Amino acid sequence: MFRRSSRSNVPAEPTIGVGAIVTVGTGAGGAASGWEGEPTGVVISPGDNEMAGYPGLAPGGPLSWYIAFDEPAYKVGNPAPFDEATVAARFLTLVPIEGSTAD
């Protein structure tokens, strides 16, 4: 009577979320992130959206993520190290996990 469509044909597209390992890099169009190098870390929560009119989630997901870096990260022109920081989602790239497959 009811049929379920098979979703096994649709590949799972990895997305950024809490627990994801990410790298901070350049944004779309080569926009600079303001970080020295490409620091890597783990997403620990949605970030505060200071640039938006109100905090919270955007329709497509968070506008920023709170990242815990695996080693101290530095902002361009700032000698102080950061262990954690809010980073705009447009500067984050998901680090692929070796040996993982999308089944």
C-alpha atoms as a PDB file:
ATOM      1  CA  MET A   1       0.000   0.000   0.000  1.00  0.00           C
ATOM      2  CA  PHE A   2       2.640   2.520   1.009  1.00  0.00           C
ATOM      3  CA  ARG A   3       6.022   2.457  -0.640  1.00  0.00           C
ATOM      4  CA  ARG A   4       9.153   3.953   0.741  1.00  0.00           C
ATOM      5  CA  SER A   5      11.492   5.493  -1.719  1.00  0.00           C
ATOM      6  CA  SER A   6      15.006   4.172  -1.626  1.00  0.00           C
ATOM      7  CA  ARG A   7      17.376   6.885  -0.479  1.00  0.00           C
ATOM      8  CA  SER A   8      20.463   4.733  -0.781  1.00  0.00           C
ATOM      9  CA  ASN A   9      21.000   6.149  -4.283  1.00  0.00           C
ATOM     10  CA  VAL A  10      21.388   9.674  -2.918  1.00  0.00           C
ATOM     11  CA  PRO A  11      24.941  10.328  -1.704  1.00  0.00           C
ATOM     12  CA  ALA A  12      25.159  11.885   1.738  1.00  0.00           C
ATOM     13  CA  GLU A  13      26.759  15.302   1.454  1.00  0.00           C
ATOM     14  CA  PRO A  14      28.926  16.028   4.486  1.00  0.00           C
ATOM     15  CA  THR A  15      28.019  19.228   6.308  1.00  0.00           C
ATOM     16  CA  ILE A  16      29.606  21.294   9.041  1.00  0.00           C
ATOM     17  CA  GLY A  17      28.115  20.859  12.488  1.00  0.00           C
ATOM     18  CA  VAL A  18      29.058  20.321  16.126  1.00  0.00           C
ATOM     19  CA  GLY A  19      31.942  17.844  16.315  1.00  0.00           C
ATOM     20  CA  ALA A  20      33.151  18.469  12.753  1.00  0.00           C
ATOM     21  CA  ILE A  21      36.852  18.967  12.130  1.00  0.00           C
ATOM     22  CA  VAL A  22      37.354  22.123  10.074  1.00  0.00           C
ATOM     23  CA  THR A  23      40.070  24.307   8.606  1.00  0.00           C
ATOM     24  CA  VAL A  24      39.826  28.096   8.519  1.00  0.00           C
ATOM     25  CA  GLY A  25      40.754  29.346   5.053  1.00  0.00           C
ATOM     26  CA  THR A  26      39.703  31.865   2.452  1.00  0.00           C
ATOM     27  CA  GLY A  27      36.071  32.577   1.709  1.00  0.00           C
ATOM     28  CA  ALA A  28      34.214  32.696  -1.579  1.00  0.00           C
ATOM     29  CA  GLY A  29      35.959  34.863  -4.117  1.00  0.00           C
ATOM     30  CA  GLY A  30      39.249  34.627  -2.209  1.00  0.00           C
ATOM     31  CA  ALA A  31      38.142  36.831   0.701  1.00  0.00           C
ATOM     32  CA  ALA A  32      40.719  36.757   3.496  1.00  0.00           C
ATOM     33  CA  SER A  33      39.601  35.212   6.791  1.00  0.00           C
ATOM     34  CA  GLY A  34      41.912  37.352   8.918  1.00  0.00           C
ATOM     35  CA  TRP A  35      43.716  34.318  10.380  1.00  0.00           C
ATOM     36  CA  GLU A  36      47.406  33.521   9.895  1.00  0.00           C
ATOM     37  CA  GLY A  37      47.855  30.302   7.954  1.00  0.00           C
ATOM     38  CA  GLU A  38      44.988  27.812   7.944  1.00  0.00           C
ATOM     39  CA  PRO A  39      44.268  26.858  11.572  1.00  0.00           C
ATOM     40  CA  THR A  40      42.429  23.587  12.185  1.00  0.00           C
ATOM     41  CA  GLY A  41      39.989  22.835  14.971  1.00  0.00           C
ATOM     42  CA  VAL A  42      36.746  21.236  16.087  1.00  0.00           C
ATOM     43  CA  VAL A  43      33.309  22.878  15.987  1.00  0.00           C
ATOM     44  CA  ILE A  44      32.012  23.020  19.557  1.00  0.00           C
ATOM     45  CA  SER A  45      28.816  25.064  19.080  1.00  0.00           C
ATOM     46  CA  PRO A  46      27.017  27.513  16.801  1.00  0.00           C
ATOM     47  CA  GLY A  47      28.708  30.899  17.067  1.00  0.00           C
ATOM     48  CA  ASP A  48      27.344  34.291  17.965  1.00  0.00           C
ATOM     49  CA  ASN A  49      26.374  36.275  14.900  1.00  0.00           C
ATOM     50  CA  GLU A  50      27.759  39.659  15.874  1.00  0.00           C
ATOM     51  CA  MET A  51      27.410  41.060  12.351  1.00  0.00           C
ATOM     52  CA  ALA A  52      23.765  40.019  11.984  1.00  0.00           C
ATOM     53  CA  GLY A  53      20.885  42.072  13.309  1.00  0.00           C
ATOM     54  CA  TYR A  54      20.035  39.348  15.822  1.00  0.00           C
ATOM     55  CA  PRO A  55      21.796  36.237  17.153  1.00  0.00           C
ATOM     56  CA  GLY A  56      20.611  32.786  16.207  1.00  0.00           C
ATOM     57  CA  LEU A  57      20.344  30.608  13.191  1.00  0.00           C
ATOM     58  CA  ALA A  58      19.999  31.708   9.592  1.00  0.00           C
ATOM     59  CA  PRO A  59      17.633  29.793   7.293  1.00  0.00           C
ATOM     60  CA  GLY A  60      20.494  27.736   5.785  1.00  0.00           C
ATOM     61  CA  GLY A  61      22.202  27.081   9.114  1.00  0.00           C
ATOM     62  CA  PRO A  62      24.419  29.076  11.443  1.00  0.00           C
ATOM     63  CA  LEU A  63      26.235  32.086  10.040  1.00  0.00           C
ATOM     64  CA  SER A  64      29.207  31.308  12.270  1.00  0.00           C
ATOM     65  CA  TRP A  65      30.597  28.468  14.369  1.00  0.00           C
ATOM     66  CA  TYR A  66      32.538  28.448  17.644  1.00  0.00           C
ATOM     67  CA  ILE A  67      35.811  26.607  16.983  1.00  0.00           C
ATOM     68  CA  ALA A  68      38.272  25.052  19.458  1.00  0.00           C
ATOM     69  CA  PHE A  69      41.647  25.079  17.683  1.00  0.00           C
ATOM     70  CA  ASP A  70      43.992  22.094  17.955  1.00  0.00           C
ATOM     71  CA  GLU A  71      46.910  24.479  18.560  1.00  0.00           C
ATOM     72  CA  PRO A  72      47.012  28.222  19.261  1.00  0.00           C
ATOM     73  CA  ALA A  73      45.804  30.242  16.270  1.00  0.00           C
ATOM     74  CA  TYR A  74      46.719  33.837  15.494  1.00  0.00           C
ATOM     75  CA  LYS A  75      44.791  36.664  13.834  1.00  0.00           C
ATOM     76  CA  VAL A  76      46.665  38.805  11.322  1.00  0.00           C
ATOM     77  CA  GLY A  77      48.209  41.768  13.164  1.00  0.00           C
ATOM     78  CA  ASN A  78      47.413  40.393  16.649  1.00  0.00           C
ATOM     79  CA  PRO A  79      50.219  38.727  18.642  1.00  0.00           C
ATOM     80  CA  ALA A  80      47.813  37.102  21.136  1.00  0.00           C
ATOM     81  CA  PRO A  81      47.051  33.399  20.551  1.00  0.00           C
ATOM     82  CA  PHE A  82      43.472  32.103  20.405  1.00  0.00           C
ATOM     83  CA  ASP A  83      42.454  28.685  21.729  1.00  0.00           C
ATOM     84  CA  GLU A  84      38.808  29.202  20.703  1.00  0.00           C
ATOM     85  CA  ALA A  85      37.039  31.694  18.469  1.00  0.00           C
ATOM     86  CA  THR A  86      33.836  32.422  16.571  1.00  0.00           C
ATOM     87  CA  VAL A  87      34.506  32.050  12.837  1.00  0.00           C
ATOM     88  CA  ALA A  88      32.149  32.899   9.981  1.00  0.00           C
ATOM     89  CA  ALA A  89      30.872  29.756   8.249  1.00  0.00           C
ATOM     90  CA  ARG A  90      32.010  31.039   4.842  1.00  0.00           C
ATOM     91  CA  PHE A  91      35.667  30.652   5.929  1.00  0.00           C
ATOM     92  CA  LEU A  92      35.333  27.032   7.114  1.00  0.00           C
ATOM     93  CA  THR A  93      36.181  23.925   5.126  1.00  0.00           C
ATOM     94  CA  LEU A  94      35.276  20.455   6.344  1.00  0.00           C
ATOM     95  CA  VAL A  95      38.317  18.202   6.800  1.00  0.00           C
ATOM     96  CA  PRO A  96      37.602  14.777   5.294  1.00  0.00           C
ATOM     97  CA  ILE A  97      38.052  11.845   7.639  1.00  0.00           C
ATOM     98  CA  GLU A  98      40.366   9.219   6.138  1.00  0.00           C
ATOM     99  CA  GLY A  99      38.792   5.844   5.604  1.00  0.00           C
ATOM    100  CA  SER A 100      35.224   7.129   5.886  1.00  0.00           C
ATOM    101  CA  THR A 101      32.682   6.275   3.246  1.00  0.00           C
ATOM    102  CA  ALA A 102      29.184   7.561   2.677  1.00  0.00           C
ATOM    103  CA  ASP A 103      26.937   4.480   2.653  1.00  0.00           C
END
